[in-house]
Amino acid sequence: MVKQIKRNEIRLRRHIRIRRKVSGTAETPRLAVYRSNKNISVQLIDDVNGVTLAATGSINLKLTHGANIEAAKLIGAEIAKLALAKNIEKVVFDRGGYLYHGRIQALAEAAREAGLKF
């Protein structure tokens, strides 16, 4: 009998492949995205020192519907504002193994429009 591979296991494998190539520094931190069915969260991570520089998400912003495209746009703009307040303009985008469409794409485009470069 063939074992079924779950969707999240496939995502985690994709995430591991991405993380081999993507790493953040203090000058260009990694913009890591986590998406669940109810919420979205993002972090700016300095992988060299193992420090989270800034973080936000739908729970921090107290959004009633935290997992839709409108929420992703708000979160993208908010993380860009936090990054620019810490003099961070360039980041490396880590989509966390999620496909680049829908909520992930909306978050990335909102962060770009708010001033982040990646």
PDB file of N, CA and C in Angstrom:
ATOM      1  N   MET A   1       0.839  -1.178   0.000  1.00  0.00           N
ATOM      2  CA  MET A   1       0.000   0.000   0.000  1.00  0.00           C
ATOM      3  C   MET A   1       0.891   1.250   0.000  1.00  0.00           C
ATOM      4  N   VAL A   2       0.521   2.245  -0.803  1.00  0.00           N
ATOM      5  CA  VAL A   2       1.303   3.468  -0.954  1.00  0.00           C
ATOM      6  C   VAL A   2       0.867   4.468   0.104  1.00  0.00           C
ATOM      7  N   LYS A   3       1.866   5.065   0.777  1.00  0.00           N
ATOM      8  CA  LYS A   3       1.567   6.049   1.814  1.00  0.00           C
ATOM      9  C   LYS A   3       1.202   7.387   1.176  1.00  0.00           C
ATOM     10  N   GLN A   4       0.146   7.988   1.674  1.00  0.00           N
ATOM     11  CA  GLN A   4      -0.270   9.307   1.198  1.00  0.00           C
ATOM     12  C   GLN A   4       0.608  10.379   1.824  1.00  0.00           C
ATOM     13  N   ILE A   5       1.028  11.352   1.030  1.00  0.00           N
ATOM     14  CA  ILE A   5       1.785  12.484   1.559  1.00  0.00           C
ATOM     15  C   ILE A   5       0.806  13.625   1.776  1.00  0.00           C
ATOM     16  N   LYS A   6       0.816  14.148   2.985  1.00  0.00           N
ATOM     17  CA  LYS A   6      -0.108  15.212   3.316  1.00  0.00           C
ATOM     18  C   LYS A   6       0.344  16.534   2.711  1.00  0.00           C
ATOM     19  N   ARG A   7      -0.608  17.440   2.489  1.00  0.00           N
ATOM     20  CA  ARG A   7      -0.341  18.718   1.855  1.00  0.00           C
ATOM     21  C   ARG A   7       0.686  19.536   2.637  1.00  0.00           C
ATOM     22  N   ASN A   8       0.596  19.518   3.966  1.00  0.00           N
ATOM     23  CA  ASN A   8       1.522  20.305   4.771  1.00  0.00           C
ATOM     24  C   ASN A   8       2.935  19.717   4.718  1.00  0.00           C
ATOM     25  N   GLU A   9       3.056  18.404   4.583  1.00  0.00           N
ATOM     26  CA  GLU A   9       4.372  17.795   4.442  1.00  0.00           C
ATOM     27  C   GLU A   9       5.035  18.242   3.142  1.00  0.00           C
ATOM     28  N   ILE A  10       4.257  18.362   2.088  1.00  0.00           N
ATOM     29  CA  ILE A  10       4.782  18.838   0.809  1.00  0.00           C
ATOM     30  C   ILE A  10       5.233  20.286   0.956  1.00  0.00           C
ATOM     31  N   ARG A  11       4.439  21.103   1.650  1.00  0.00           N
ATOM     32  CA  ARG A  11       4.792  22.501   1.877  1.00  0.00           C
ATOM     33  C   ARG A  11       6.082  22.600   2.679  1.00  0.00           C
ATOM     34  N   LEU A  12       6.218  21.767   3.720  1.00  0.00           N
ATOM     35  CA  LEU A  12       7.421  21.798   4.540  1.00  0.00           C
ATOM     36  C   LEU A  12       8.658  21.385   3.744  1.00  0.00           C
ATOM     37  N   ARG A  13       8.521  20.424   2.848  1.00  0.00           N
ATOM     38  CA  ARG A  13       9.643  20.035   1.994  1.00  0.00           C
ATOM     39  C   ARG A  13      10.050  21.207   1.090  1.00  0.00           C
ATOM     40  N   ARG A  14       9.039  21.889   0.529  1.00  0.00           N
ATOM     41  CA  ARG A  14       9.295  23.050  -0.311  1.00  0.00           C
ATOM     42  C   ARG A  14       9.975  24.147   0.501  1.00  0.00           C
ATOM     43  N   HIS A  15       9.525  24.331   1.736  1.00  0.00           N
ATOM     44  CA  HIS A  15      10.096  25.349   2.619  1.00  0.00           C
ATOM     45  C   HIS A  15      11.575  25.047   2.924  1.00  0.00           C
ATOM     46  N   ILE A  16      11.895  23.794   3.162  1.00  0.00           N
ATOM     47  CA  ILE A  16      13.285  23.400   3.420  1.00  0.00           C
ATOM     48  C   ILE A  16      14.151  23.687   2.205  1.00  0.00           C
ATOM     49  N   ARG A  17      13.633  23.409   1.007  1.00  0.00           N
ATOM     50  CA  ARG A  17      14.377  23.700  -0.218  1.00  0.00           C
ATOM     51  C   ARG A  17      14.640  25.198  -0.357  1.00  0.00           C
ATOM     52  N   ILE A  18      13.642  25.997  -0.038  1.00  0.00           N
ATOM     53  CA  ILE A  18      13.787  27.454  -0.132  1.00  0.00           C
ATOM     54  C   ILE A  18      14.792  27.947   0.901  1.00  0.00           C
ATOM     55  N   ARG A  19      14.735  27.423   2.119  1.00  0.00           N
ATOM     56  CA  ARG A  19      15.598  27.897   3.198  1.00  0.00           C
ATOM     57  C   ARG A  19      17.069  27.560   2.971  1.00  0.00           C
ATOM     58  N   ARG A  20      17.359  26.585   2.108  1.00  0.00           N
ATOM     59  CA  ARG A  20      18.749  26.310   1.763  1.00  0.00           C
ATOM     60  C   ARG A  20      19.365  27.494   1.035  1.00  0.00           C
ATOM     61  N   LYS A  21      18.543  28.235   0.294  1.00  0.00           N
ATOM     62  CA  LYS A  21      19.028  29.326  -0.534  1.00  0.00           C
ATOM     63  C   LYS A  21      18.811  30.687   0.102  1.00  0.00           C
ATOM     64  N   VAL A  22      17.807  30.829   0.961  1.00  0.00           N
ATOM     65  CA  VAL A  22      17.405  32.127   1.502  1.00  0.00           C
ATOM     66  C   VAL A  22      17.869  32.245   2.944  1.00  0.00           C
ATOM     67  N   SER A  23      18.609  33.308   3.224  1.00  0.00           N
ATOM     68  CA  SER A  23      19.057  33.572   4.585  1.00  0.00           C
ATOM     69  C   SER A  23      19.084  35.073   4.797  1.00  0.00           C
ATOM     70  N   GLY A  24      18.733  35.513   5.995  1.00  0.00           N
ATOM     71  CA  GLY A  24      18.687  36.929   6.293  1.00  0.00           C
ATOM     72  C   GLY A  24      19.870  37.378   7.123  1.00  0.00           C
ATOM     73  N   THR A  25      20.260  38.633   6.940  1.00  0.00           N
ATOM     74  CA  THR A  25      21.315  39.247   7.734  1.00  0.00           C
ATOM     75  C   THR A  25      20.734  40.466   8.434  1.00  0.00           C
ATOM     76  N   ALA A  26      21.555  41.170   9.189  1.00  0.00           N
ATOM     77  CA  ALA A  26      21.077  42.367   9.873  1.00  0.00           C
ATOM     78  C   ALA A  26      20.733  43.468   8.866  1.00  0.00           C
ATOM     79  N   GLU A  27      21.482  43.534   7.755  1.00  0.00           N
ATOM     80  CA  GLU A  27      21.227  44.557   6.743  1.00  0.00           C
ATOM     81  C   GLU A  27      20.029  44.187   5.868  1.00  0.00           C
ATOM     82  N   THR A  28      19.944  42.930   5.472  1.00  0.00           N
ATOM     83  CA  THR A  28      18.826  42.451   4.652  1.00  0.00           C
ATOM     84  C   THR A  28      18.190  41.252   5.341  1.00  0.00           C
ATOM     85  N   PRO A  29      17.266  41.491   6.261  1.00  0.00           N
ATOM     86  CA  PRO A  29      16.650  40.377   6.978  1.00  0.00           C
ATOM     87  C   PRO A  29      15.692  39.576   6.094  1.00  0.00           C
ATOM     88  N   ARG A  30      15.363  38.413   6.574  1.00  0.00           N
ATOM     89  CA  ARG A  30      14.432  37.525   5.881  1.00  0.00           C
ATOM     90  C   ARG A  30      13.017  37.882   6.308  1.00  0.00           C
ATOM     91  N   LEU A  31      12.147  38.127   5.333  1.00  0.00           N
ATOM     92  CA  LEU A  31      10.734  38.396   5.599  1.00  0.00           C
ATOM     93  C   LEU A  31      10.001  37.062   5.502  1.00  0.00           C
ATOM     94  N   ALA A  32       9.780  36.428   6.656  1.00  0.00           N
ATOM     95  CA  ALA A  32       9.182  35.095   6.710  1.00  0.00           C
ATOM     96  C   ALA A  32       7.680  35.208   6.911  1.00  0.00           C
ATOM     97  N   VAL A  33       6.928  34.456   6.121  1.00  0.00           N
ATOM     98  CA  VAL A  33       5.466  34.500   6.153  1.00  0.00           C
ATOM     99  C   VAL A  33       4.947  33.168   6.668  1.00  0.00           C
ATOM    100  N   TYR A  34       3.966  33.229   7.578  1.00  0.00           N
ATOM    101  CA  TYR A  34       3.251  32.025   8.003  1.00  0.00           C
ATOM    102  C   TYR A  34       1.779  32.269   7.776  1.00  0.00           C
ATOM    103  N   ARG A  35       1.122  31.319   7.163  1.00  0.00           N
ATOM    104  CA  ARG A  35      -0.285  31.447   6.824  1.00  0.00           C
ATOM    105  C   ARG A  35      -1.044  30.255   7.394  1.00  0.00           C
ATOM    106  N   SER A  36      -2.108  30.533   8.128  1.00  0.00           N
ATOM    107  CA  SER A  36      -2.973  29.453   8.591  1.00  0.00           C
ATOM    108  C   SER A  36      -4.369  29.702   8.031  1.00  0.00           C
ATOM    109  N   ASN A  37      -5.300  28.883   8.420  1.00  0.00           N
ATOM    110  CA  ASN A  37      -6.657  29.073   7.931  1.00  0.00           C
ATOM    111  C   ASN A  37      -7.323  30.305   8.532  1.00  0.00           C
ATOM    112  N   LYS A  38      -6.879  30.717   9.722  1.00  0.00           N
ATOM    113  CA  LYS A  38      -7.522  31.845  10.397  1.00  0.00           C
ATOM    114  C   LYS A  38      -6.672  33.101  10.461  1.00  0.00           C
ATOM    115  N   ASN A  39      -5.350  32.991  10.341  1.00  0.00           N
ATOM    116  CA  ASN A  39      -4.470  34.130  10.540  1.00  0.00           C
ATOM    117  C   ASN A  39      -3.291  34.104   9.587  1.00  0.00           C
ATOM    118  N   ILE A  40      -2.640  35.269   9.493  1.00  0.00           N
ATOM    119  CA  ILE A  40      -1.396  35.416   8.743  1.00  0.00           C
ATOM    120  C   ILE A  40      -0.433  36.156   9.652  1.00  0.00           C
ATOM    121  N   SER A  41       0.827  35.734   9.674  1.00  0.00           N
ATOM    122  CA  SER A  41       1.824  36.457  10.459  1.00  0.00           C
ATOM    123  C   SER A  41       3.119  36.546   9.665  1.00  0.00           C
ATOM    124  N   VAL A  42       3.860  37.620   9.923  1.00  0.00           N
ATOM    125  CA  VAL A  42       5.137  37.843   9.251  1.00  0.00           C
ATOM    126  C   VAL A  42       6.178  38.263  10.273  1.00  0.00           C
ATOM    127  N   GLN A  43       7.440  37.939   9.971  1.00  0.00           N
ATOM    128  CA  GLN A  43       8.555  38.308  10.834  1.00  0.00           C
ATOM    129  C   GLN A  43       9.717  38.765   9.975  1.00  0.00           C
ATOM    130  N   LEU A  44      10.473  39.719  10.481  1.00  0.00           N
ATOM    131  CA  LEU A  44      11.756  40.083   9.894  1.00  0.00           C
ATOM    132  C   LEU A  44      12.821  39.419  10.756  1.00  0.00           C
ATOM    133  N   ILE A  45      13.589  38.500  10.160  1.00  0.00           N
ATOM    134  CA  ILE A  45      14.505  37.663  10.930  1.00  0.00           C
ATOM    135  C   ILE A  45      15.935  37.869  10.452  1.00  0.00           C
ATOM    136  N   ASP A  46      16.822  38.077  11.422  1.00  0.00           N
ATOM    137  CA  ASP A  46      18.264  38.096  11.173  1.00  0.00           C
ATOM    138  C   ASP A  46      18.777  36.697  11.506  1.00  0.00           C
ATOM    139  N   ASP A  47      19.043  35.897  10.472  1.00  0.00           N
ATOM    140  CA  ASP A  47      19.447  34.505  10.682  1.00  0.00           C
ATOM    141  C   ASP A  47      20.871  34.381  11.197  1.00  0.00           C
ATOM    142  N   VAL A  48      21.719  35.363  10.940  1.00  0.00           N
ATOM    143  CA  VAL A  48      23.105  35.300  11.399  1.00  0.00           C
ATOM    144  C   VAL A  48      23.148  35.330  12.922  1.00  0.00           C
ATOM    145  N   ASN A  49      22.394  36.249  13.523  1.00  0.00           N
ATOM    146  CA  ASN A  49      22.364  36.367  14.981  1.00  0.00           C
ATOM    147  C   ASN A  49      21.203  35.609  15.617  1.00  0.00           C
ATOM    148  N   GLY A  50      20.304  35.084  14.819  1.00  0.00           N
ATOM    149  CA  GLY A  50      19.158  34.355  15.346  1.00  0.00           C
ATOM    150  C   GLY A  50      18.183  35.239  16.086  1.00  0.00           C
ATOM    151  N   VAL A  51      17.891  36.426  15.522  1.00  0.00           N
ATOM    152  CA  VAL A  51      17.055  37.420  16.201  1.00  0.00           C
ATOM    153  C   VAL A  51      15.899  37.813  15.295  1.00  0.00           C
ATOM    154  N   THR A  52      14.720  37.945  15.893  1.00  0.00           N
ATOM    155  CA  THR A  52      13.581  38.511  15.186  1.00  0.00           C
ATOM    156  C   THR A  52      13.612  40.020  15.382  1.00  0.00           C
ATOM    157  N   LEU A  53      13.701  40.754  14.280  1.00  0.00           N
ATOM    158  CA  LEU A  53      13.820  42.205  14.343  1.00  0.00           C
ATOM    159  C   LEU A  53      12.467  42.886  14.468  1.00  0.00           C
ATOM    160  N   ALA A  54      11.457  42.348  13.797  1.00  0.00           N
ATOM    161  CA  ALA A  54      10.100  42.903  13.870  1.00  0.00           C
ATOM    162  C   ALA A  54       9.121  41.805  13.489  1.00  0.00           C
ATOM    163  N   ALA A  55       7.927  41.898  14.021  1.00  0.00           N
ATOM    164  CA  ALA A  55       6.907  40.900  13.713  1.00  0.00           C
ATOM    165  C   ALA A  55       5.534  41.534  13.838  1.00  0.00           C
ATOM    166  N   THR A  56       4.622  41.060  13.030  1.00  0.00           N
ATOM    167  CA  THR A  56       3.235  41.479  13.129  1.00  0.00           C
ATOM    168  C   THR A  56       2.369  40.401  12.486  1.00  0.00           C
ATOM    169  N   GLY A  57       1.089  40.546  12.639  1.00  0.00           N
ATOM    170  CA  GLY A  57       0.169  39.580  12.076  1.00  0.00           C
ATOM    171  C   GLY A  57      -1.259  40.013  12.298  1.00  0.00           C
ATOM    172  N   SER A  58      -2.175  39.192  11.869  1.00  0.00           N
ATOM    173  CA  SER A  58      -3.583  39.545  11.986  1.00  0.00           C
ATOM    174  C   SER A  58      -4.045  39.549  13.440  1.00  0.00           C
ATOM    175  N   ILE A  59      -3.382  38.801  14.296  1.00  0.00           N
ATOM    176  CA  ILE A  59      -3.751  38.807  15.720  1.00  0.00           C
ATOM    177  C   ILE A  59      -3.296  40.114  16.357  1.00  0.00           C
ATOM    178  N   ASN A  60      -2.071  40.569  16.029  1.00  0.00           N
ATOM    179  CA  ASN A  60      -1.569  41.829  16.579  1.00  0.00           C
ATOM    180  C   ASN A  60      -2.401  43.018  16.129  1.00  0.00           C
ATOM    181  N   LEU A  61      -2.878  42.985  14.874  1.00  0.00           N
ATOM    182  CA  LEU A  61      -3.672  44.086  14.336  1.00  0.00           C
ATOM    183  C   LEU A  61      -5.148  43.981  14.715  1.00  0.00           C
ATOM    184  N   LYS A  62      -5.506  42.899  15.412  1.00  0.00           N
ATOM    185  CA  LYS A  62      -6.870  42.658  15.872  1.00  0.00           C
ATOM    186  C   LYS A  62      -7.886  42.719  14.732  1.00  0.00           C
ATOM    187  N   LEU A  63      -7.564  42.002  13.655  1.00  0.00           N
ATOM    188  CA  LEU A  63      -8.457  41.938  12.511  1.00  0.00           C
ATOM    189  C   LEU A  63      -9.519  40.872  12.744  1.00  0.00           C
ATOM    190  N   THR A  64     -10.759  41.182  12.384  1.00  0.00           N
ATOM    191  CA  THR A  64     -11.835  40.214  12.602  1.00  0.00           C
ATOM    192  C   THR A  64     -11.712  39.043  11.634  1.00  0.00           C
ATOM    193  N   HIS A  65     -11.370  39.332  10.369  1.00  0.00           N
ATOM    194  CA  HIS A  65     -11.135  38.273   9.386  1.00  0.00           C
ATOM    195  C   HIS A  65      -9.663  38.347   9.011  1.00  0.00           C
ATOM    196  N   GLY A  66      -8.848  37.553   9.679  1.00  0.00           N
ATOM    197  CA  GLY A  66      -7.413  37.678   9.546  1.00  0.00           C
ATOM    198  C   GLY A  66      -6.796  36.850   8.457  1.00  0.00           C
ATOM    199  N   ALA A  67      -7.578  36.123   7.682  1.00  0.00           N
ATOM    200  CA  ALA A  67      -6.973  35.222   6.713  1.00  0.00           C
ATOM    201  C   ALA A  67      -7.436  35.492   5.284  1.00  0.00           C
ATOM    202  N   ASN A  68      -7.844  36.726   4.994  1.00  0.00           N
ATOM    203  CA  ASN A  68      -8.248  37.022   3.626  1.00  0.00           C
ATOM    204  C   ASN A  68      -7.247  37.962   2.963  1.00  0.00           C
ATOM    205  N   ILE A  69      -7.482  38.289   1.714  1.00  0.00           N
ATOM    206  CA  ILE A  69      -6.536  39.093   0.948  1.00  0.00           C
ATOM    207  C   ILE A  69      -6.445  40.508   1.506  1.00  0.00           C
ATOM    208  N   GLU A  70      -7.555  41.073   1.954  1.00  0.00           N
ATOM    209  CA  GLU A  70      -7.526  42.424   2.529  1.00  0.00           C
ATOM    210  C   GLU A  70      -6.657  42.460   3.783  1.00  0.00           C
ATOM    211  N   ALA A  71      -6.747  41.438   4.617  1.00  0.00           N
ATOM    212  CA  ALA A  71      -5.916  41.352   5.816  1.00  0.00           C
ATOM    213  C   ALA A  71      -4.444  41.221   5.425  1.00  0.00           C
ATOM    214  N   ALA A  72      -4.154  40.446   4.389  1.00  0.00           N
ATOM    215  CA  ALA A  72      -2.769  40.275   3.935  1.00  0.00           C
ATOM    216  C   ALA A  72      -2.191  41.611   3.469  1.00  0.00           C
ATOM    217  N   LYS A  73      -2.995  42.424   2.805  1.00  0.00           N
ATOM    218  CA  LYS A  73      -2.528  43.737   2.365  1.00  0.00           C
ATOM    219  C   LYS A  73      -2.216  44.630   3.560  1.00  0.00           C
ATOM    220  N   LEU A  74      -3.076  44.610   4.573  1.00  0.00           N
ATOM    221  CA  LEU A  74      -2.835  45.415   5.775  1.00  0.00           C
ATOM    222  C   LEU A  74      -1.574  44.962   6.504  1.00  0.00           C
ATOM    223  N   ILE A  75      -1.377  43.657   6.596  1.00  0.00           N
ATOM    224  CA  ILE A  75      -0.213  43.114   7.287  1.00  0.00           C
ATOM    225  C   ILE A  75       1.065  43.448   6.519  1.00  0.00           C
ATOM    226  N   GLY A  76       1.020  43.376   5.184  1.00  0.00           N
ATOM    227  CA  GLY A  76       2.178  43.730   4.371  1.00  0.00           C
ATOM    228  C   GLY A  76       2.572  45.190   4.546  1.00  0.00           C
ATOM    229  N   ALA A  77       1.575  46.071   4.583  1.00  0.00           N
ATOM    230  CA  ALA A  77       1.852  47.499   4.790  1.00  0.00           C
ATOM    231  C   ALA A  77       2.400  47.744   6.194  1.00  0.00           C
ATOM    232  N   GLU A  78       1.888  47.030   7.180  1.00  0.00           N
ATOM    233  CA  GLU A  78       2.322  47.219   8.567  1.00  0.00           C
ATOM    234  C   GLU A  78       3.759  46.746   8.776  1.00  0.00           C
ATOM    235  N   ILE A  79       4.135  45.604   8.188  1.00  0.00           N
ATOM    236  CA  ILE A  79       5.506  45.123   8.359  1.00  0.00           C
ATOM    237  C   ILE A  79       6.481  46.037   7.639  1.00  0.00           C
ATOM    238  N   ALA A  80       6.062  46.614   6.519  1.00  0.00           N
ATOM    239  CA  ALA A  80       6.925  47.572   5.819  1.00  0.00           C
ATOM    240  C   ALA A  80       7.126  48.814   6.673  1.00  0.00           C
ATOM    241  N   LYS A  81       6.078  49.266   7.337  1.00  0.00           N
ATOM    242  CA  LYS A  81       6.182  50.439   8.203  1.00  0.00           C
ATOM    243  C   LYS A  81       7.127  50.158   9.371  1.00  0.00           C
ATOM    244  N   LEU A  82       7.026  48.963   9.971  1.00  0.00           N
ATOM    245  CA  LEU A  82       7.912  48.592  11.068  1.00  0.00           C
ATOM    246  C   LEU A  82       9.365  48.484  10.602  1.00  0.00           C
ATOM    247  N   ALA A  83       9.562  47.944   9.405  1.00  0.00           N
ATOM    248  CA  ALA A  83      10.916  47.794   8.875  1.00  0.00           C
ATOM    249  C   ALA A  83      11.537  49.154   8.576  1.00  0.00           C
ATOM    250  N   LEU A  84      10.781  50.029   7.953  1.00  0.00           N
ATOM    251  CA  LEU A  84      11.312  51.346   7.626  1.00  0.00           C
ATOM    252  C   LEU A  84      11.594  52.160   8.883  1.00  0.00           C
ATOM    253  N   ALA A  85      10.841  51.922   9.951  1.00  0.00           N
ATOM    254  CA  ALA A  85      11.109  52.601  11.222  1.00  0.00           C
ATOM    255  C   ALA A  85      12.451  52.159  11.807  1.00  0.00           C
ATOM    256  N   LYS A  86      12.900  50.940  11.457  1.00  0.00           N
ATOM    257  CA  LYS A  86      14.195  50.432  11.935  1.00  0.00           C
ATOM    258  C   LYS A  86      15.280  50.585  10.871  1.00  0.00           C
ATOM    259  N   ASN A  87      15.042  51.441   9.873  1.00  0.00           N
ATOM    260  CA  ASN A  87      15.983  51.720   8.784  1.00  0.00           C
ATOM    261  C   ASN A  87      16.330  50.476   7.977  1.00  0.00           C
ATOM    262  N   ILE A  88      15.350  49.620   7.744  1.00  0.00           N
ATOM    263  CA  ILE A  88      15.524  48.433   6.912  1.00  0.00           C
ATOM    264  C   ILE A  88      14.706  48.660   5.644  1.00  0.00           C
ATOM    265  N   GLU A  89      15.411  48.693   4.496  1.00  0.00           N
ATOM    266  CA  GLU A  89      14.719  48.902   3.229  1.00  0.00           C
ATOM    267  C   GLU A  89      14.712  47.652   2.359  1.00  0.00           C
ATOM    268  N   LYS A  90      15.799  46.868   2.427  1.00  0.00           N
ATOM    269  CA  LYS A  90      15.902  45.665   1.619  1.00  0.00           C
ATOM    270  C   LYS A  90      15.675  44.431   2.477  1.00  0.00           C
ATOM    271  N   VAL A  91      14.887  43.508   1.976  1.00  0.00           N
ATOM    272  CA  VAL A  91      14.634  42.245   2.663  1.00  0.00           C
ATOM    273  C   VAL A  91      14.732  41.109   1.647  1.00  0.00           C
ATOM    274  N   VAL A  92      14.816  39.900   2.161  1.00  0.00           N
ATOM    275  CA  VAL A  92      14.761  38.692   1.349  1.00  0.00           C
ATOM    276  C   VAL A  92      13.433  38.028   1.667  1.00  0.00           C
ATOM    277  N   PHE A  93      12.622  37.775   0.651  1.00  0.00           N
ATOM    278  CA  PHE A  93      11.273  37.250   0.866  1.00  0.00           C
ATOM    279  C   PHE A  93      11.302  35.740   0.997  1.00  0.00           C
ATOM    280  N   ASP A  94      10.759  35.239   2.097  1.00  0.00           N
ATOM    281  CA  ASP A  94      10.646  33.800   2.354  1.00  0.00           C
ATOM    282  C   ASP A  94       9.164  33.473   2.426  1.00  0.00           C
ATOM    283  N   ARG A  95       8.650  32.870   1.371  1.00  0.00           N
ATOM    284  CA  ARG A  95       7.212  32.597   1.310  1.00  0.00           C
ATOM    285  C   ARG A  95       6.817  31.371   2.122  1.00  0.00           C
ATOM    286  N   GLY A  96       7.763  30.739   2.763  1.00  0.00           N
ATOM    287  CA  GLY A  96       7.468  29.650   3.678  1.00  0.00           C
ATOM    288  C   GLY A  96       6.966  28.387   3.023  1.00  0.00           C
ATOM    289  N   GLY A  97       7.254  28.197   1.742  1.00  0.00           N
ATOM    290  CA  GLY A  97       6.790  27.009   1.053  1.00  0.00           C
ATOM    291  C   GLY A  97       5.409  27.165   0.460  1.00  0.00           C
ATOM    292  N   TYR A  98       4.755  28.288   0.709  1.00  0.00           N
ATOM    293  CA  TYR A  98       3.437  28.539   0.138  1.00  0.00           C
ATOM    294  C   TYR A  98       3.606  29.010  -1.299  1.00  0.00           C
ATOM    295  N   LEU A  99       2.637  28.712  -2.125  1.00  0.00           N
ATOM    296  CA  LEU A  99       2.686  29.162  -3.507  1.00  0.00           C
ATOM    297  C   LEU A  99       2.498  30.669  -3.549  1.00  0.00           C
ATOM    298  N   TYR A 100       3.153  31.310  -4.506  1.00  0.00           N
ATOM    299  CA  TYR A 100       3.123  32.767  -4.594  1.00  0.00           C
ATOM    300  C   TYR A 100       1.874  33.204  -5.367  1.00  0.00           C
ATOM    301  N   HIS A 101       0.749  33.154  -4.683  1.00  0.00           N
ATOM    302  CA  HIS A 101      -0.493  33.695  -5.235  1.00  0.00           C
ATOM    303  C   HIS A 101      -1.448  33.912  -4.085  1.00  0.00           C
ATOM    304  N   GLY A 102      -2.507  34.632  -4.327  1.00  0.00           N
ATOM    305  CA  GLY A 102      -3.511  34.874  -3.303  1.00  0.00           C
ATOM    306  C   GLY A 102      -2.999  35.738  -2.180  1.00  0.00           C
ATOM    307  N   ARG A 103      -3.118  35.237  -0.954  1.00  0.00           N
ATOM    308  CA  ARG A 103      -2.752  36.007   0.233  1.00  0.00           C
ATOM    309  C   ARG A 103      -1.266  36.325   0.300  1.00  0.00           C
ATOM    310  N   ILE A 104      -0.421  35.377  -0.099  1.00  0.00           N
ATOM    311  CA  ILE A 104       1.028  35.591  -0.053  1.00  0.00           C
ATOM    312  C   ILE A 104       1.424  36.679  -1.052  1.00  0.00           C
ATOM    313  N   GLN A 105       0.863  36.629  -2.243  1.00  0.00           N
ATOM    314  CA  GLN A 105       1.162  37.628  -3.258  1.00  0.00           C
ATOM    315  C   GLN A 105       0.658  39.003  -2.837  1.00  0.00           C
ATOM    316  N   ALA A 106      -0.540  39.077  -2.254  1.00  0.00           N
ATOM    317  CA  ALA A 106      -1.097  40.357  -1.797  1.00  0.00           C
ATOM    318  C   ALA A 106      -0.230  40.964  -0.696  1.00  0.00           C
ATOM    319  N   LEU A 107       0.245  40.142   0.227  1.00  0.00           N
ATOM    320  CA  LEU A 107       1.112  40.624   1.298  1.00  0.00           C
ATOM    321  C   LEU A 107       2.423  41.171   0.722  1.00  0.00           C
ATOM    322  N   ALA A 108       3.032  40.446  -0.212  1.00  0.00           N
ATOM    323  CA  ALA A 108       4.299  40.868  -0.802  1.00  0.00           C
ATOM    324  C   ALA A 108       4.134  42.170  -1.585  1.00  0.00           C
ATOM    325  N   GLU A 109       3.080  42.283  -2.365  1.00  0.00           N
ATOM    326  CA  GLU A 109       2.870  43.489  -3.158  1.00  0.00           C
ATOM    327  C   GLU A 109       2.577  44.697  -2.270  1.00  0.00           C
ATOM    328  N   ALA A 110       1.838  44.494  -1.187  1.00  0.00           N
ATOM    329  CA  ALA A 110       1.562  45.599  -0.261  1.00  0.00           C
ATOM    330  C   ALA A 110       2.837  46.058   0.431  1.00  0.00           C
ATOM    331  N   ALA A 111       3.716  45.124   0.770  1.00  0.00           N
ATOM    332  CA  ALA A 111       4.992  45.488   1.393  1.00  0.00           C
ATOM    333  C   ALA A 111       5.864  46.257   0.407  1.00  0.00           C
ATOM    334  N   ARG A 112       5.845  45.851  -0.857  1.00  0.00           N
ATOM    335  CA  ARG A 112       6.612  46.573  -1.880  1.00  0.00           C
ATOM    336  C   ARG A 112       6.068  47.982  -2.077  1.00  0.00           C
ATOM    337  N   GLU A 113       4.757  48.111  -2.131  1.00  0.00           N
ATOM    338  CA  GLU A 113       4.149  49.425  -2.323  1.00  0.00           C
ATOM    339  C   GLU A 113       4.434  50.356  -1.151  1.00  0.00           C
ATOM    340  N   ALA A 114       4.576  49.789   0.039  1.00  0.00           N
ATOM    341  CA  ALA A 114       4.840  50.594   1.235  1.00  0.00           C
ATOM    342  C   ALA A 114       6.323  50.960   1.374  1.00  0.00           C
ATOM    343  N   GLY A 115       7.181  50.434   0.494  1.00  0.00           N
ATOM    344  CA  GLY A 115       8.568  50.882   0.500  1.00  0.00           C
ATOM    345  C   GLY A 115       9.639  49.831   0.652  1.00  0.00           C
ATOM    346  N   LEU A 116       9.290  48.578   0.904  1.00  0.00           N
ATOM    347  CA  LEU A 116      10.314  47.542   1.027  1.00  0.00           C
ATOM    348  C   LEU A 116      10.779  47.112  -0.359  1.00  0.00           C
ATOM    349  N   LYS A 117      12.046  46.734  -0.455  1.00  0.00           N
ATOM    350  CA  LYS A 117      12.614  46.267  -1.718  1.00  0.00           C
ATOM    351  C   LYS A 117      13.027  44.820  -1.573  1.00  0.00           C
ATOM    352  N   PHE A 118      12.493  43.976  -2.450  1.00  0.00           N
ATOM    353  CA  PHE A 118      12.914  42.577  -2.528  1.00  0.00           C
ATOM    354  C   PHE A 118      12.537  42.006  -3.871  1.00  0.00           C
TER     355      PHE A 118
END
